[in-house]
């Protein structure tokens, strides 16, 4: 099933989702290609998800089990007449071969950079609490036509109650889009002022706002690997069920959020711009979903301005910033961002025990920075290393 890969040719496996109708079983093939040949494919950014209810697909005419979340993604991305070329880590890498895992992770940045599009799969619906909604059948190729019937996805914002998971997702994306558009937050139609002069979510947008909170609490945001996958994407789309929007809505939203809240201009425009405690708590939860994603994306663009020492310090700060992110394999807590720092000097290694790999990485930082900043934690990381030098060893 897993044909060997030639690392000298930067070979990878691509998953081919064979065409089929919505209710057909999922059939897959694996093709070995070289990145040097510039193949056309999409890369999936997703959460592997719970293994409690595995689904069976056909891979090279053999039964192959995947999680429900991946199964739903494959089903939504499948087309009716042509095959879809997709890179999915759990299938395209032989997970039982640690040497191959090490080699493929070392070129993960190239895999995502060379994909013509990264598909950010947030799930088939937004939250467990809304599973009572009817799930809209159909693949993603039907989704864009559904949204295109409306002049703007903003039309979904006022729709209540939702007909199905499709309109629920469209409403959530509406809020994401409206908050990311230019303008001060106190002037956005999403918000209103209550009798106490506090800002609240406008009643007509209440259901859409709850859907948006579901969007921002998807488990995708908590995954370590999504940072590299999102930052390196040439182009991306965010998908829930069979509804998709451009990935730039995420960056637009966080740029607006950081510019206007929590310490930005909108907090000081007027005395009345005070949120209720509930709304402020929701805003803070939304901010935690970002967990440095936007900041790291901006830092990545400026890598050329950093020499080796500054790049090492930036990696250390990045690892500290992302420490709450989750990973199935503890080694991913480091390997998951190494693609953002090519040539840094740390090599992914899944052939060694996690403790040994962490010791190797720690020793690298101590030697590269000639200091113990990697052991200092947040207290000393707040200081400028040039102004507060540590004792060299």
Protein backbone atom coordinates (compact mmCIF):
# COMPACT_ATOMS: atom_id res chain seq x y z
CA UNK A 1 0.00 0.00 0.00
CA UNK A 2 2.83 2.40 0.88
CA UNK A 3 5.36 2.57 -1.94
CA UNK A 4 8.78 3.72 -0.70
CA UNK A 5 9.74 7.38 -1.17
CA UNK A 6 12.97 8.79 -2.59
CA UNK A 7 14.02 11.63 -0.31
CA UNK A 8 16.63 12.87 -2.80
CA UNK A 9 13.79 13.64 -5.23
CA UNK A 10 11.59 15.16 -2.49
CA UNK A 11 8.93 12.56 -3.14
CA UNK A 12 5.60 12.60 -1.36
CA UNK A 13 2.39 10.65 -1.68
CA UNK A 14 -0.77 12.35 -2.87
CA UNK A 15 -4.20 11.04 -2.04
CA UNK A 16 -6.59 10.82 -4.97
CA UNK A 17 -10.24 10.98 -4.03
CA UNK A 18 -11.95 9.11 -6.85
CA UNK A 19 -15.15 10.68 -8.19
CA UNK A 20 -18.48 9.60 -6.80
CA UNK A 21 -21.98 10.65 -5.80
CA UNK A 22 -22.85 11.80 -2.29
CA UNK A 23 -24.04 8.40 -1.05
CA UNK A 24 -21.32 6.36 -2.77
CA UNK A 25 -18.60 4.75 -0.67
CA UNK A 26 -15.31 6.66 -0.61
CA UNK A 27 -12.58 5.23 -2.84
CA UNK A 28 -9.00 6.47 -2.64
CA UNK A 29 -5.68 5.91 -4.38
CA UNK A 30 -2.15 6.98 -3.46
CA UNK A 31 0.25 8.37 -6.06
CA UNK A 32 3.96 9.01 -5.51
CA UNK A 33 5.09 12.35 -6.96
CA UNK A 34 8.13 14.60 -6.69
CA UNK A 35 7.70 18.13 -5.41
CA UNK A 36 10.30 19.13 -7.99
CA UNK A 37 7.75 18.25 -10.69
CA UNK A 38 5.41 20.90 -9.23
CA UNK A 39 2.30 18.71 -8.95
CA UNK A 40 -1.09 20.38 -8.57
CA UNK A 41 -2.78 19.49 -5.30
CA UNK A 42 -4.54 20.80 -2.23
CA UNK A 43 -3.29 20.23 1.32
CA UNK A 44 -5.67 19.56 4.18
CA UNK A 45 -5.38 21.37 7.51
CA UNK A 46 -7.62 19.56 9.98
CA UNK A 47 -7.91 17.77 13.30
CA UNK A 48 -7.57 13.99 13.25
CA UNK A 49 -10.31 13.82 15.86
CA UNK A 50 -11.72 11.09 18.05
CA UNK A 51 -11.05 7.48 17.10
CA UNK A 52 -14.13 6.27 18.96
CA UNK A 53 -16.24 5.93 15.80
CA UNK A 54 -13.88 5.06 12.91
CA UNK A 55 -15.11 5.00 9.33
CA UNK A 56 -13.97 2.66 6.58
CA UNK A 57 -12.83 3.83 3.16
CA UNK A 58 -11.27 1.92 0.28
CA UNK A 59 -7.59 2.69 -0.29
CA UNK A 60 -5.98 0.88 -3.23
CA UNK A 61 -8.88 -1.59 -3.12
CA UNK A 62 -8.17 -2.36 0.54
CA UNK A 63 -10.17 -1.44 3.62
CA UNK A 64 -8.63 1.49 5.50
CA UNK A 65 -9.94 3.14 8.65
CA UNK A 66 -10.04 6.89 9.29
CA UNK A 67 -11.70 9.05 11.91
CA UNK A 68 -15.18 10.44 11.39
CA UNK A 69 -13.80 13.96 11.02
CA UNK A 70 -11.44 13.00 8.19
CA UNK A 71 -14.14 10.86 6.57
CA UNK A 72 -16.51 13.83 6.50
CA UNK A 73 -13.81 16.05 4.99
CA UNK A 74 -13.06 13.54 2.22
CA UNK A 75 -16.75 13.16 1.48
CA UNK A 76 -17.31 16.92 1.24
CA UNK A 77 -14.21 17.47 -0.92
CA UNK A 78 -15.01 14.66 -3.35
CA UNK A 79 -16.26 15.65 -6.78
CA UNK A 80 -18.80 13.86 -8.91
CA UNK A 81 -16.87 13.66 -12.20
CA UNK A 82 -13.15 14.18 -11.59
CA UNK A 83 -10.70 12.99 -8.95
CA UNK A 84 -9.27 15.33 -6.32
CA UNK A 85 -5.54 15.39 -5.48
CA UNK A 86 -5.08 16.01 -1.77
CA UNK A 87 -2.24 15.78 0.73
CA UNK A 88 -3.38 14.46 4.12
CA UNK A 89 -0.70 13.68 6.68
CA UNK A 90 -2.45 10.73 8.33
CA UNK A 91 -2.81 8.87 5.02
CA UNK A 92 0.03 10.16 2.85
CA UNK A 93 2.70 9.41 5.48
CA UNK A 94 3.22 5.84 6.64
CA UNK A 95 2.54 6.45 10.32
CA UNK A 96 4.12 3.13 11.30
CA UNK A 97 7.48 4.10 9.78
CA UNK A 98 9.18 6.59 12.12
CA UNK A 99 12.08 7.13 9.73
CA UNK A 100 9.65 8.15 7.00
CA UNK A 101 7.73 10.37 9.42
CA UNK A 102 10.99 12.14 10.28
CA UNK A 103 11.88 12.70 6.63
CA UNK A 104 8.42 13.85 5.57
CA UNK A 105 8.02 16.24 8.51
CA UNK A 106 11.37 17.79 7.57
CA UNK A 107 9.86 18.87 4.23
CA UNK A 108 6.40 19.69 5.56
CA UNK A 109 6.97 23.37 4.89
CA UNK A 110 7.59 22.62 1.20
CA UNK A 111 4.47 20.44 1.05
CA UNK A 112 2.23 23.26 2.25
CA UNK A 113 4.06 25.98 0.35
CA UNK A 114 3.72 24.07 -2.93
CA UNK A 115 0.02 23.27 -2.56
CA UNK A 116 -2.04 25.59 -4.73
CA UNK A 117 -4.51 25.79 -1.85
CA UNK A 118 -4.76 24.76 1.79
CA UNK A 119 -8.20 23.56 2.83
CA UNK A 120 -8.90 24.48 6.46
CA UNK A 121 -11.47 21.92 7.54
CA UNK A 122 -13.31 22.98 10.71
CA UNK A 123 -15.77 20.11 10.69
CA UNK A 124 -19.16 19.07 9.37
CA UNK A 125 -20.97 21.39 11.78
CA UNK A 126 -19.93 24.01 14.30
CA UNK A 127 -20.73 22.61 17.74
CA UNK A 128 -22.19 19.64 19.54
CA UNK A 129 -24.98 21.78 20.95
CA UNK A 130 -26.33 22.44 17.47
CA UNK A 131 -26.41 18.83 16.28
CA UNK A 132 -30.17 18.99 16.32
CA UNK A 133 -29.99 20.89 13.04
CA UNK A 134 -30.44 18.94 9.85
CA UNK A 135 -27.10 18.33 8.16
CA UNK A 136 -27.07 19.52 4.58
CA UNK A 137 -26.05 16.77 2.16
CA UNK A 138 -23.80 17.40 -0.78
CA UNK A 139 -20.16 17.97 -1.59
CA UNK A 140 -18.28 21.23 -1.47
CA UNK A 141 -18.63 21.72 -5.22
CA UNK A 142 -22.30 22.50 -4.52
CA UNK A 143 -21.54 24.91 -1.68
CA UNK A 144 -20.16 27.91 -3.61
CA UNK A 145 -23.25 27.95 -5.85
CA UNK A 146 -25.46 28.07 -2.77
CA UNK A 147 -23.64 31.07 -1.32
CA UNK A 148 -23.36 32.72 -4.73
CA UNK A 149 -27.15 33.01 -4.92
CA UNK A 150 -26.89 35.87 -2.44
CA UNK A 151 -25.30 39.24 -3.11
CA UNK A 152 -23.36 38.92 0.15
CA UNK A 153 -23.01 36.26 2.81
CA UNK A 154 -24.05 39.07 5.13
CA UNK A 155 -27.64 38.19 4.23
CA UNK A 156 -27.31 35.14 6.45
CA UNK A 157 -26.56 37.23 9.53
CA UNK A 158 -30.18 38.17 10.10
CA UNK A 159 -31.62 34.70 9.43
CA UNK A 160 -33.07 33.08 12.53
CA UNK A 161 -33.70 30.30 13.33
CA UNK A 162 -31.34 28.39 11.04
CA UNK A 163 -32.78 25.93 8.57
CA UNK A 164 -29.81 23.55 8.71
CA UNK A 165 -26.07 23.35 9.37
CA UNK A 166 -25.42 25.10 6.07
CA UNK A 167 -27.20 28.32 7.05
CA UNK A 168 -25.67 28.08 10.53
CA UNK A 169 -22.15 28.01 9.03
CA UNK A 170 -22.96 30.85 6.63
CA UNK A 171 -24.18 32.97 9.55
CA UNK A 172 -20.97 32.33 11.50
CA UNK A 173 -18.88 33.33 8.50
CA UNK A 174 -21.03 36.46 8.21
CA UNK A 175 -19.92 37.64 11.64
CA UNK A 176 -16.31 36.77 10.85
CA UNK A 177 -16.51 38.84 7.67
CA UNK A 178 -18.30 41.83 9.22
CA UNK A 179 -15.87 42.07 12.12
CA UNK A 180 -12.93 41.90 9.73
CA UNK A 181 -14.11 44.74 7.52
CA UNK A 182 -12.61 48.24 7.97
CA UNK A 183 -14.19 50.46 10.57
CA UNK A 184 -14.40 50.95 14.31
CA UNK A 185 -16.14 48.21 16.21
CA UNK A 186 -18.50 50.58 18.01
CA UNK A 187 -20.04 51.46 14.64
CA UNK A 188 -20.62 47.89 13.45
CA UNK A 189 -24.24 46.84 13.12
CA UNK A 190 -23.57 43.63 15.03
CA UNK A 191 -23.51 45.54 18.32
CA UNK A 192 -26.08 47.65 20.15
CA UNK A 193 -26.14 49.65 23.39
CA UNK A 194 -28.32 48.48 26.27
CA UNK A 195 -30.10 50.65 28.84
CA UNK A 196 -26.99 50.73 31.04
CA UNK A 197 -24.93 52.13 28.17
CA UNK A 198 -23.05 48.89 27.67
CA UNK A 199 -22.35 47.26 24.34
CA UNK A 200 -24.13 43.99 23.66
CA UNK A 201 -24.79 41.86 20.59
CA UNK A 202 -27.78 43.22 18.68
CA UNK A 203 -30.82 41.01 19.09
CA UNK A 204 -31.18 40.32 15.36
CA UNK A 205 -27.62 38.97 15.31
CA UNK A 206 -27.85 36.87 18.47
CA UNK A 207 -28.20 33.51 16.70
CA UNK A 208 -25.47 34.38 14.20
CA UNK A 209 -23.20 35.45 17.08
CA UNK A 210 -23.70 32.11 18.83
CA UNK A 211 -22.82 30.34 15.58
CA UNK A 212 -19.70 32.52 15.35
CA UNK A 213 -18.68 31.52 18.89
CA UNK A 214 -19.06 27.91 17.78
CA UNK A 215 -16.81 28.65 14.82
CA UNK A 216 -14.11 30.14 17.05
CA UNK A 217 -14.26 27.23 19.50
CA UNK A 218 -13.65 24.50 16.91
CA UNK A 219 -10.86 22.14 17.94
CA UNK A 220 -8.86 23.17 14.85
CA UNK A 221 -7.72 26.33 16.66
CA UNK A 222 -6.09 24.33 19.46
CA UNK A 223 -3.93 22.12 17.23
CA UNK A 224 -0.16 22.75 17.08
CA UNK A 225 0.29 21.96 13.40
CA UNK A 226 -2.28 24.49 12.16
CA UNK A 227 0.09 27.40 12.76
CA UNK A 228 2.61 26.23 10.18
CA UNK A 229 -0.09 25.05 7.80
CA UNK A 230 -1.93 28.37 7.88
CA UNK A 231 1.15 30.60 7.76
CA UNK A 232 2.75 28.80 4.81
CA UNK A 233 -0.39 28.60 2.66
CA UNK A 234 -0.22 30.43 -0.66
CA UNK A 235 -4.00 30.46 -0.73
CA UNK A 236 -6.60 28.92 1.54
CA UNK A 237 -10.28 28.37 2.09
CA UNK A 238 -12.09 27.74 5.36
CA UNK A 239 -14.71 25.00 5.19
CA UNK A 240 -17.58 23.93 7.43
CA UNK A 241 -19.71 21.20 5.90
CA UNK A 242 -20.30 22.30 2.32
CA UNK A 243 -19.85 26.03 2.96
CA UNK A 244 -16.49 27.65 2.20
CA UNK A 245 -15.07 31.16 2.46
CA UNK A 246 -11.61 32.60 1.62
CA UNK A 247 -8.96 32.07 4.28
CA UNK A 248 -8.10 35.76 4.35
CA UNK A 249 -11.26 36.33 6.41
CA UNK A 250 -9.33 34.91 9.38
CA UNK A 251 -6.40 37.29 8.97
CA UNK A 252 -8.73 40.22 8.28
CA UNK A 253 -10.63 39.48 11.48
CA UNK A 254 -7.56 39.25 13.70
CA UNK A 255 -6.00 42.33 12.17
CA UNK A 256 -9.17 44.24 13.00
CA UNK A 257 -9.40 42.71 16.47
CA UNK A 258 -5.83 43.61 17.41
CA UNK A 259 -6.22 47.11 15.96
CA UNK A 260 -9.41 47.93 17.84
CA UNK A 261 -9.52 45.60 20.88
CA UNK A 262 -8.77 44.98 23.71
CA UNK A 263 -6.45 47.96 24.15
CA UNK A 264 -6.98 49.58 20.78
CA UNK A 265 -8.80 52.72 19.78
CA UNK A 266 -12.35 51.49 20.23
CA UNK A 267 -11.90 50.98 23.96
CA UNK A 268 -11.20 54.71 24.34
CA UNK A 269 -13.49 56.29 21.76
CA UNK A 270 -16.35 56.88 24.13
CA UNK A 271 -17.37 56.18 27.68
CA UNK A 272 -20.29 54.14 26.36
CA UNK A 273 -17.97 51.67 24.62
CA UNK A 274 -18.07 49.29 27.56
CA UNK A 275 -19.04 45.69 27.02
CA UNK A 276 -21.11 43.61 29.37
CA UNK A 277 -19.05 41.09 31.31
CA UNK A 278 -20.55 38.26 29.25
CA UNK A 279 -19.60 39.88 25.94
CA UNK A 280 -16.11 40.76 27.17
CA UNK A 281 -15.59 37.16 28.31
CA UNK A 282 -16.61 35.94 24.87
CA UNK A 283 -14.18 38.38 23.26
CA UNK A 284 -11.34 37.05 25.41
CA UNK A 285 -12.19 33.46 24.44
CA UNK A 286 -12.08 34.50 20.80
CA UNK A 287 -8.67 36.08 21.35
CA UNK A 288 -7.38 32.87 22.96
CA UNK A 289 -8.37 30.94 19.85
CA UNK A 290 -5.76 32.94 17.92
CA UNK A 291 -2.97 32.00 20.38
CA UNK A 292 -0.32 33.93 18.47
CA UNK A 293 -1.38 32.67 15.03
CA UNK A 294 -1.60 36.13 13.48
CA UNK A 295 1.55 37.42 15.21
CA UNK A 296 3.58 34.44 14.01
CA UNK A 297 2.24 34.92 10.49
CA UNK A 298 3.50 38.51 10.50
CA UNK A 299 6.86 37.52 12.00
CA UNK A 300 7.34 34.88 9.33
CA UNK A 301 7.22 37.55 6.62
CA UNK A 302 10.14 39.38 8.27
CA UNK A 303 12.50 36.41 8.60
CA UNK A 304 14.90 37.94 6.11
CA UNK A 305 15.65 40.73 8.56
CA UNK A 306 16.89 38.30 11.22
CA UNK A 307 20.36 36.83 11.53
CA UNK A 308 20.93 33.35 12.93
CA UNK A 309 20.94 34.42 16.58
CA UNK A 310 17.76 36.47 16.27
CA UNK A 311 16.08 33.64 14.37
CA UNK A 312 16.93 31.23 17.18
CA UNK A 313 15.49 33.65 19.73
CA UNK A 314 12.37 34.04 17.59
CA UNK A 315 11.91 30.25 17.49
CA UNK A 316 12.26 30.07 21.26
CA UNK A 317 9.65 32.80 21.74
CA UNK A 318 7.37 31.10 19.21
CA UNK A 319 7.55 27.79 21.07
CA UNK A 320 6.73 29.57 24.32
CA UNK A 321 3.82 31.44 22.74
CA UNK A 322 2.35 28.21 21.36
CA UNK A 323 2.82 26.09 24.47
CA UNK A 324 -0.99 25.71 25.07
CA UNK A 325 -1.46 24.20 21.59
CA UNK A 326 -2.27 20.50 21.53
CA UNK A 327 -0.41 17.68 19.80
CA UNK A 328 -0.97 13.93 19.67
CA UNK A 329 2.78 13.28 19.70
CA UNK A 330 4.66 15.48 22.21
CA UNK A 331 7.52 15.89 19.73
CA UNK A 332 5.10 17.81 17.51
CA UNK A 333 5.25 20.66 20.04
CA UNK A 334 8.63 21.49 18.46
CA UNK A 335 8.51 19.78 15.07
CA UNK A 336 5.19 21.45 14.31
CA UNK A 337 6.81 24.86 13.76
CA UNK A 338 10.28 23.97 12.46
CA UNK A 339 9.08 24.48 8.89
CA UNK A 340 8.74 28.18 9.67
CA UNK A 341 12.45 28.34 10.48
CA UNK A 342 14.27 26.51 7.65
CA UNK A 343 17.94 25.90 8.31
CA UNK A 344 17.56 26.71 12.00
CA UNK A 345 19.66 23.72 13.07
CA UNK A 346 17.08 21.48 14.76
CA UNK A 347 16.14 18.38 12.80
CA UNK A 348 12.83 16.56 13.39
CA UNK A 349 13.38 13.10 14.84
CA UNK A 350 10.61 10.57 15.40
CA UNK A 351 13.01 7.64 15.73
CA UNK A 352 14.10 8.70 19.23
CA UNK A 353 12.10 8.86 22.43
CA UNK A 354 10.42 12.19 23.13
CA UNK A 355 12.58 12.88 26.20
CA UNK A 356 15.76 12.39 24.16
CA UNK A 357 14.49 14.69 21.42
CA UNK A 358 13.61 17.42 23.93
CA UNK A 359 17.08 17.13 25.48
CA UNK A 360 18.63 17.49 22.03
CA UNK A 361 16.50 20.58 21.27
CA UNK A 362 17.28 22.15 24.65
CA UNK A 363 21.01 21.64 24.14
CA UNK A 364 20.70 23.29 20.73
CA UNK A 365 19.21 26.45 22.25
CA UNK A 366 21.79 26.60 25.04
CA UNK A 367 24.67 26.34 22.59
CA UNK A 368 23.16 28.60 19.90
CA UNK A 369 22.25 31.40 22.33
CA UNK A 370 25.16 30.80 24.68
CA UNK A 371 22.77 31.10 27.58
CA UNK A 372 19.94 29.46 29.49
CA UNK A 373 17.02 31.47 28.11
CA UNK A 374 15.32 28.26 26.96
CA UNK A 375 15.11 27.22 30.64
CA UNK A 376 14.04 30.61 31.94
CA UNK A 377 10.38 30.44 31.00
CA UNK A 378 8.17 33.50 30.72
CA UNK A 379 9.77 35.57 33.49
CA UNK A 380 13.04 36.23 31.70
CA UNK A 381 11.60 35.94 28.20
CA UNK A 382 9.88 39.28 28.81
CA UNK A 383 13.23 41.05 28.92
CA UNK A 384 15.15 42.21 25.91
CA UNK A 385 18.09 39.89 25.60
CA UNK A 386 20.40 42.66 24.44
CA UNK A 387 19.62 44.89 27.42
CA UNK A 388 19.36 42.09 29.97
CA UNK A 389 22.08 39.62 28.93
CA UNK A 390 22.30 36.30 30.68
CA UNK A 391 25.59 34.99 31.90
CA UNK A 392 27.32 33.21 29.06
CA UNK A 393 28.57 29.67 29.40
